[in-house]
Amino acid sequence: MVELVEAIAKNLVDHPEEVQVTQTENDQTVVIELKVAADDMGKVIGKQGRIAKAIRVVVKAAATKMNKKVVVEIAQ
């Protein structure tokens, strides 16, 4: 999951070297935290949050095979 989010984010931003993705896990939930440069935040979120929603949809679709709930958080 981390690799998927990282690949998507690095292709969206102007500063791919500043993309950081971390994953924490408990019983049935995986939390993926995405951090990007401040000036790239708008590119990851998109107009009205559309890109962020699309990232979450792709990750949730990939997570269904693992039978886990995945939460993608975009941190500043």
Foldseek 3Di string as FASTA:
>chain_A
DQVLLLVVLLVQFPCSVQWDWDWDDDDFEIEIEIEHDPVRVCSCQDDVRPNVVVSLVVVQVVCVVVNGHYHYHYDD
